[in-house]
């Protein structure tokens, strides 16, 4: 038995409910009848593809050596 396939639009709807409304993954998963681990994986993938502004290169900028000592 294979896992059900969900559309990209559905996944994004679920993820945005968590990201934008700061709702717990388990609560949102339960409301849609989904497994929390699956929804957590969708959120992790979404966050990797949509890094928050200012966080994507912060460590490499800090290590670039542009210090004013």
PDB file of N, CA and C in Angstrom:
ATOM      1  N   UNK A   1       0.837  -1.182   0.000  1.00  0.00           N
ATOM      2  CA  UNK A   1       0.000   0.000   0.000  1.00  0.00           C
ATOM      3  C   UNK A   1       0.880   1.241   0.000  1.00  0.00           C
ATOM      4  N   UNK A   2       0.695   2.102  -0.976  1.00  0.00           N
ATOM      5  CA  UNK A   2       1.535   3.296  -1.058  1.00  0.00           C
ATOM      6  C   UNK A   2       0.886   4.463  -0.327  1.00  0.00           C
ATOM      7  N   UNK A   3       1.707   5.439  -0.007  1.00  0.00           N
ATOM      8  CA  UNK A   3       1.227   6.629   0.695  1.00  0.00           C
ATOM      9  C   UNK A   3       0.365   7.477  -0.244  1.00  0.00           C
ATOM     10  N   UNK A   4      -0.648   8.128   0.311  1.00  0.00           N
ATOM     11  CA  UNK A   4      -1.483   8.978  -0.540  1.00  0.00           C
ATOM     12  C   UNK A   4      -0.692  10.167  -1.070  1.00  0.00           C
ATOM     13  N   UNK A   5      -1.062  10.624  -2.254  1.00  0.00           N
ATOM     14  CA  UNK A   5      -0.414  11.773  -2.879  1.00  0.00           C
ATOM     15  C   UNK A   5      -1.258  13.007  -2.628  1.00  0.00           C
ATOM     16  N   UNK A   6      -0.606  14.082  -2.205  1.00  0.00           N
ATOM     17  CA  UNK A   6      -1.296  15.343  -1.966  1.00  0.00           C
ATOM     18  C   UNK A   6      -0.773  16.380  -2.952  1.00  0.00           C
ATOM     19  N   UNK A   7      -1.644  17.268  -3.400  1.00  0.00           N
ATOM     20  CA  UNK A   7      -1.235  18.292  -4.359  1.00  0.00           C
ATOM     21  C   UNK A   7      -0.320  19.307  -3.683  1.00  0.00           C
ATOM     22  N   UNK A   8       0.481  19.968  -4.481  1.00  0.00           N
ATOM     23  CA  UNK A   8       1.372  21.010  -3.968  1.00  0.00           C
ATOM     24  C   UNK A   8       0.565  22.120  -3.308  1.00  0.00           C
ATOM     25  N   UNK A   9      -0.595  22.427  -3.872  1.00  0.00           N
ATOM     26  CA  UNK A   9      -1.446  23.477  -3.312  1.00  0.00           C
ATOM     27  C   UNK A   9      -1.947  23.103  -1.923  1.00  0.00           C
ATOM     28  N   UNK A  10      -2.343  21.838  -1.754  1.00  0.00           N
ATOM     29  CA  UNK A  10      -2.815  21.376  -0.457  1.00  0.00           C
ATOM     30  C   UNK A  10      -1.696  21.433   0.579  1.00  0.00           C
ATOM     31  N   UNK A  11      -0.521  20.950   0.203  1.00  0.00           N
ATOM     32  CA  UNK A  11       0.621  20.970   1.120  1.00  0.00           C
ATOM     33  C   UNK A  11       0.943  22.397   1.545  1.00  0.00           C
ATOM     34  N   UNK A  12       0.939  23.319   0.571  1.00  0.00           N
ATOM     35  CA  UNK A  12       1.251  24.707   0.895  1.00  0.00           C
ATOM     36  C   UNK A  12       0.199  25.299   1.826  1.00  0.00           C
ATOM     37  N   UNK A  13      -1.059  24.976   1.619  1.00  0.00           N
ATOM     38  CA  UNK A  13      -2.131  25.464   2.481  1.00  0.00           C
ATOM     39  C   UNK A  13      -1.892  25.023   3.924  1.00  0.00           C
ATOM     40  N   UNK A  14      -1.555  23.744   4.097  1.00  0.00           N
ATOM     41  CA  UNK A  14      -1.308  23.198   5.433  1.00  0.00           C
ATOM     42  C   UNK A  14      -0.083  23.865   6.051  1.00  0.00           C
ATOM     43  N   UNK A  15       1.001  23.973   5.287  1.00  0.00           N
ATOM     44  CA  UNK A  15       2.244  24.554   5.786  1.00  0.00           C
ATOM     45  C   UNK A  15       2.044  26.017   6.175  1.00  0.00           C
ATOM     46  N   UNK A  16       1.364  26.774   5.336  1.00  0.00           N
ATOM     47  CA  UNK A  16       1.171  28.196   5.630  1.00  0.00           C
ATOM     48  C   UNK A  16       0.315  28.404   6.867  1.00  0.00           C
ATOM     49  N   UNK A  17      -0.578  27.487   7.126  1.00  0.00           N
ATOM     50  CA  UNK A  17      -1.378  27.575   8.351  1.00  0.00           C
ATOM     51  C   UNK A  17      -0.469  27.470   9.573  1.00  0.00           C
ATOM     52  N   UNK A  18       0.567  26.683   9.469  1.00  0.00           N
ATOM     53  CA  UNK A  18       1.522  26.513  10.570  1.00  0.00           C
ATOM     54  C   UNK A  18       2.475  27.698  10.637  1.00  0.00           C
ATOM     55  N   UNK A  19       3.042  28.075   9.500  1.00  0.00           N
ATOM     56  CA  UNK A  19       4.072  29.116   9.455  1.00  0.00           C
ATOM     57  C   UNK A  19       3.491  30.503   9.737  1.00  0.00           C
ATOM     58  N   UNK A  20       2.410  30.850   9.066  1.00  0.00           N
ATOM     59  CA  UNK A  20       1.864  32.200   9.190  1.00  0.00           C
ATOM     60  C   UNK A  20       1.024  32.403  10.443  1.00  0.00           C
ATOM     61  N   UNK A  21       0.362  31.353  10.894  1.00  0.00           N
ATOM     62  CA  UNK A  21      -0.521  31.485  12.058  1.00  0.00           C
ATOM     63  C   UNK A  21       0.101  30.951  13.335  1.00  0.00           C
ATOM     64  N   UNK A  22       1.339  30.448  13.241  1.00  0.00           N
ATOM     65  CA  UNK A  22       2.062  29.911  14.399  1.00  0.00           C
ATOM     66  C   UNK A  22       1.261  28.837  15.139  1.00  0.00           C
ATOM     67  N   UNK A  23       0.630  27.967  14.381  1.00  0.00           N
ATOM     68  CA  UNK A  23      -0.111  26.860  14.988  1.00  0.00           C
ATOM     69  C   UNK A  23       0.802  25.642  15.104  1.00  0.00           C
ATOM     70  N   UNK A  24       0.606  24.821  16.114  1.00  0.00           N
ATOM     71  CA  UNK A  24       1.426  23.609  16.280  1.00  0.00           C
ATOM     72  C   UNK A  24       1.200  22.611  15.146  1.00  0.00           C
ATOM     73  N   UNK A  25       2.279  21.970  14.733  1.00  0.00           N
ATOM     74  CA  UNK A  25       2.219  20.984  13.656  1.00  0.00           C
ATOM     75  C   UNK A  25       1.204  19.888  13.992  1.00  0.00           C
ATOM     76  N   UNK A  26       1.260  19.361  15.198  1.00  0.00           N
ATOM     77  CA  UNK A  26       0.369  18.252  15.573  1.00  0.00           C
ATOM     78  C   UNK A  26      -1.091  18.667  15.499  1.00  0.00           C
ATOM     79  N   UNK A  27      -1.395  19.882  15.918  1.00  0.00           N
ATOM     80  CA  UNK A  27      -2.775  20.363  15.898  1.00  0.00           C
ATOM     81  C   UNK A  27      -3.296  20.490  14.461  1.00  0.00           C
ATOM     82  N   UNK A  28      -2.488  21.083  13.589  1.00  0.00           N
ATOM     83  CA  UNK A  28      -2.886  21.247  12.193  1.00  0.00           C
ATOM     84  C   UNK A  28      -3.009  19.887  11.517  1.00  0.00           C
ATOM     85  N   UNK A  29      -2.046  19.009  11.761  1.00  0.00           N
ATOM     86  CA  UNK A  29      -2.092  17.675  11.175  1.00  0.00           C
ATOM     87  C   UNK A  29      -3.372  16.961  11.586  1.00  0.00           C
ATOM     88  N   UNK A  30      -3.702  17.023  12.858  1.00  0.00           N
ATOM     89  CA  UNK A  30      -4.915  16.367  13.362  1.00  0.00           C
ATOM     90  C   UNK A  30      -6.164  16.938  12.687  1.00  0.00           C
ATOM     91  N   UNK A  31      -6.198  18.268  12.493  1.00  0.00           N
ATOM     92  CA  UNK A  31      -7.383  18.889  11.902  1.00  0.00           C
ATOM     93  C   UNK A  31      -7.610  18.457  10.452  1.00  0.00           C
ATOM     94  N   UNK A  32      -6.545  18.051   9.772  1.00  0.00           N
ATOM     95  CA  UNK A  32      -6.653  17.582   8.387  1.00  0.00           C
ATOM     96  C   UNK A  32      -6.637  16.054   8.282  1.00  0.00           C
ATOM     97  N   UNK A  33      -6.516  15.365   9.412  1.00  0.00           N
ATOM     98  CA  UNK A  33      -6.458  13.909   9.385  1.00  0.00           C
ATOM     99  C   UNK A  33      -5.139  13.383   8.853  1.00  0.00           C
ATOM    100  N   UNK A  34      -4.056  14.133   9.109  1.00  0.00           N
ATOM    101  CA  UNK A  34      -2.731  13.766   8.614  1.00  0.00           C
ATOM    102  C   UNK A  34      -1.824  13.330   9.759  1.00  0.00           C
ATOM    103  N   UNK A  35      -0.730  12.673   9.413  1.00  0.00           N
ATOM    104  CA  UNK A  35       0.279  12.255  10.378  1.00  0.00           C
ATOM    105  C   UNK A  35       1.191  13.454  10.675  1.00  0.00           C
ATOM    106  N   UNK A  36       1.399  13.802  11.954  1.00  0.00           N
ATOM    107  CA  UNK A  36       2.242  14.961  12.283  1.00  0.00           C
ATOM    108  C   UNK A  36       3.634  14.911  11.657  1.00  0.00           C
ATOM    109  N   UNK A  37       4.247  13.733  11.580  1.00  0.00           N
ATOM    110  CA  UNK A  37       5.581  13.626  10.996  1.00  0.00           C
ATOM    111  C   UNK A  37       5.577  14.050   9.529  1.00  0.00           C
ATOM    112  N   UNK A  38       4.542  13.662   8.802  1.00  0.00           N
ATOM    113  CA  UNK A  38       4.429  14.033   7.390  1.00  0.00           C
ATOM    114  C   UNK A  38       4.334  15.550   7.261  1.00  0.00           C
ATOM    115  N   UNK A  39       3.467  16.161   8.052  1.00  0.00           N
ATOM    116  CA  UNK A  39       3.295  17.608   8.003  1.00  0.00           C
ATOM    117  C   UNK A  39       4.584  18.307   8.427  1.00  0.00           C
ATOM    118  N   UNK A  40       5.258  17.781   9.431  1.00  0.00           N
ATOM    119  CA  UNK A  40       6.539  18.341   9.858  1.00  0.00           C
ATOM    120  C   UNK A  40       7.570  18.306   8.743  1.00  0.00           C
ATOM    121  N   UNK A  41       7.567  17.232   7.962  1.00  0.00           N
ATOM    122  CA  UNK A  41       8.476  17.136   6.817  1.00  0.00           C
ATOM    123  C   UNK A  41       8.142  18.199   5.774  1.00  0.00           C
ATOM    124  N   UNK A  42       6.841  18.434   5.538  1.00  0.00           N
ATOM    125  CA  UNK A  42       6.436  19.463   4.577  1.00  0.00           C
ATOM    126  C   UNK A  42       6.898  20.839   5.038  1.00  0.00           C
ATOM    127  N   UNK A  43       6.766  21.103   6.347  1.00  0.00           N
ATOM    128  CA  UNK A  43       7.175  22.400   6.900  1.00  0.00           C
ATOM    129  C   UNK A  43       8.688  22.578   6.762  1.00  0.00           C
ATOM    130  N   UNK A  44       9.449  21.540   7.095  1.00  0.00           N
ATOM    131  CA  UNK A  44      10.912  21.623   6.988  1.00  0.00           C
ATOM    132  C   UNK A  44      11.343  21.893   5.552  1.00  0.00           C
ATOM    133  N   UNK A  45      10.716  21.216   4.612  1.00  0.00           N
ATOM    134  CA  UNK A  45      11.044  21.424   3.199  1.00  0.00           C
ATOM    135  C   UNK A  45      10.680  22.840   2.771  1.00  0.00           C
ATOM    136  N   UNK A  46       9.522  23.326   3.185  1.00  0.00           N
ATOM    137  CA  UNK A  46       9.072  24.671   2.831  1.00  0.00           C
ATOM    138  C   UNK A  46      10.040  25.717   3.390  1.00  0.00           C
ATOM    139  N   UNK A  47      10.457  25.539   4.645  1.00  0.00           N
ATOM    140  CA  UNK A  47      11.381  26.504   5.269  1.00  0.00           C
ATOM    141  C   UNK A  47      12.739  26.490   4.580  1.00  0.00           C
ATOM    142  N   UNK A  48      13.171  25.334   4.111  1.00  0.00           N
ATOM    143  CA  UNK A  48      14.444  25.250   3.396  1.00  0.00           C
ATOM    144  C   UNK A  48      14.347  25.989   2.056  1.00  0.00           C
ATOM    145  N   UNK A  49      13.196  25.879   1.411  1.00  0.00           N
ATOM    146  CA  UNK A  49      12.985  26.532   0.124  1.00  0.00           C
ATOM    147  C   UNK A  49      12.644  28.015   0.256  1.00  0.00           C
ATOM    148  N   UNK A  50      12.198  28.443   1.435  1.00  0.00           N
ATOM    149  CA  UNK A  50      11.793  29.828   1.685  1.00  0.00           C
ATOM    150  C   UNK A  50      12.467  30.344   2.960  1.00  0.00           C
ATOM    151  N   UNK A  51      13.786  30.534   2.932  1.00  0.00           N
ATOM    152  CA  UNK A  51      14.458  31.013   4.149  1.00  0.00           C
ATOM    153  C   UNK A  51      13.966  32.403   4.525  1.00  0.00           C
ATOM    154  N   UNK A  52      13.925  32.667   5.822  1.00  0.00           N
ATOM    155  CA  UNK A  52      13.497  33.987   6.294  1.00  0.00           C
ATOM    156  C   UNK A  52      14.534  35.018   5.884  1.00  0.00           C
ATOM    157  N   UNK A  53      14.081  36.214   5.520  1.00  0.00           N
ATOM    158  CA  UNK A  53      15.024  37.270   5.117  1.00  0.00           C
ATOM    159  C   UNK A  53      16.043  37.547   6.222  1.00  0.00           C
ATOM    160  N   UNK A  54      17.293  37.677   5.823  1.00  0.00           N
ATOM    161  CA  UNK A  54      18.354  37.980   6.778  1.00  0.00           C
ATOM    162  C   UNK A  54      18.987  36.774   7.435  1.00  0.00           C
ATOM    163  N   UNK A  55      18.465  35.570   7.204  1.00  0.00           N
ATOM    164  CA  UNK A  55      19.037  34.390   7.859  1.00  0.00           C
ATOM    165  C   UNK A  55      19.788  33.487   6.897  1.00  0.00           C
ATOM    166  N   UNK A  56      19.607  33.693   5.592  1.00  0.00           N
ATOM    167  CA  UNK A  56      20.154  32.742   4.642  1.00  0.00           C
ATOM    168  C   UNK A  56      21.674  32.721   4.578  1.00  0.00           C
ATOM    169  N   UNK A  57      22.357  33.874   4.719  1.00  0.00           N
ATOM    170  CA  UNK A  57      23.813  33.904   4.624  1.00  0.00           C
ATOM    171  C   UNK A  57      24.457  34.492   5.871  1.00  0.00           C
ATOM    172  N   UNK A  58      23.770  34.489   6.989  1.00  0.00           N
ATOM    173  CA  UNK A  58      24.291  35.165   8.171  1.00  0.00           C
ATOM    174  C   UNK A  58      25.602  34.558   8.657  1.00  0.00           C
ATOM    175  N   UNK A  59      25.739  33.230   8.650  1.00  0.00           N
ATOM    176  CA  UNK A  59      26.964  32.623   9.150  1.00  0.00           C
ATOM    177  C   UNK A  59      28.130  32.881   8.203  1.00  0.00           C
ATOM    178  N   UNK A  60      27.913  32.854   6.897  1.00  0.00           N
ATOM    179  CA  UNK A  60      29.005  33.099   5.971  1.00  0.00           C
ATOM    180  C   UNK A  60      29.415  34.572   5.990  1.00  0.00           C
ATOM    181  N   UNK A  61      28.482  35.481   6.234  1.00  0.00           N
ATOM    182  CA  UNK A  61      28.831  36.897   6.342  1.00  0.00           C
ATOM    183  C   UNK A  61      29.647  37.145   7.604  1.00  0.00           C
ATOM    184  N   UNK A  62      29.288  36.455   8.692  1.00  0.00           N
ATOM    185  CA  UNK A  62      30.025  36.619   9.935  1.00  0.00           C
ATOM    186  C   UNK A  62      31.455  36.111   9.793  1.00  0.00           C
ATOM    187  N   UNK A  63      31.659  35.097   8.981  1.00  0.00           N
ATOM    188  CA  UNK A  63      32.963  34.494   8.821  1.00  0.00           C
ATOM    189  C   UNK A  63      33.744  35.075   7.643  1.00  0.00           C
ATOM    190  N   UNK A  64      33.232  36.115   7.015  1.00  0.00           N
ATOM    191  CA  UNK A  64      33.869  36.654   5.824  1.00  0.00           C
ATOM    192  C   UNK A  64      35.120  37.474   6.141  1.00  0.00           C
ATOM    193  N   UNK A  65      35.305  37.826   7.413  1.00  0.00           N
ATOM    194  CA  UNK A  65      36.516  38.537   7.794  1.00  0.00           C
ATOM    195  C   UNK A  65      36.395  40.039   7.690  1.00  0.00           C
ATOM    196  N   UNK A  66      35.229  40.575   7.587  1.00  0.00           N
ATOM    197  CA  UNK A  66      35.046  42.017   7.484  1.00  0.00           C
ATOM    198  C   UNK A  66      34.925  42.668   8.846  1.00  0.00           C
ATOM    199  N   UNK A  67      35.853  42.394   9.729  1.00  0.00           N
ATOM    200  CA  UNK A  67      35.793  42.924  11.082  1.00  0.00           C
ATOM    201  C   UNK A  67      36.499  44.273  11.167  1.00  0.00           C
ATOM    202  N   UNK A  68      35.972  45.155  12.002  1.00  0.00           N
ATOM    203  CA  UNK A  68      36.589  46.459  12.253  1.00  0.00           C
ATOM    204  C   UNK A  68      37.289  46.412  13.594  1.00  0.00           C
ATOM    205  N   UNK A  69      38.378  45.707  13.688  1.00  0.00           N
ATOM    206  CA  UNK A  69      39.084  45.552  14.977  1.00  0.00           C
ATOM    207  C   UNK A  69      39.931  46.748  15.290  1.00  0.00           C
TER     208      UNK A  69
END
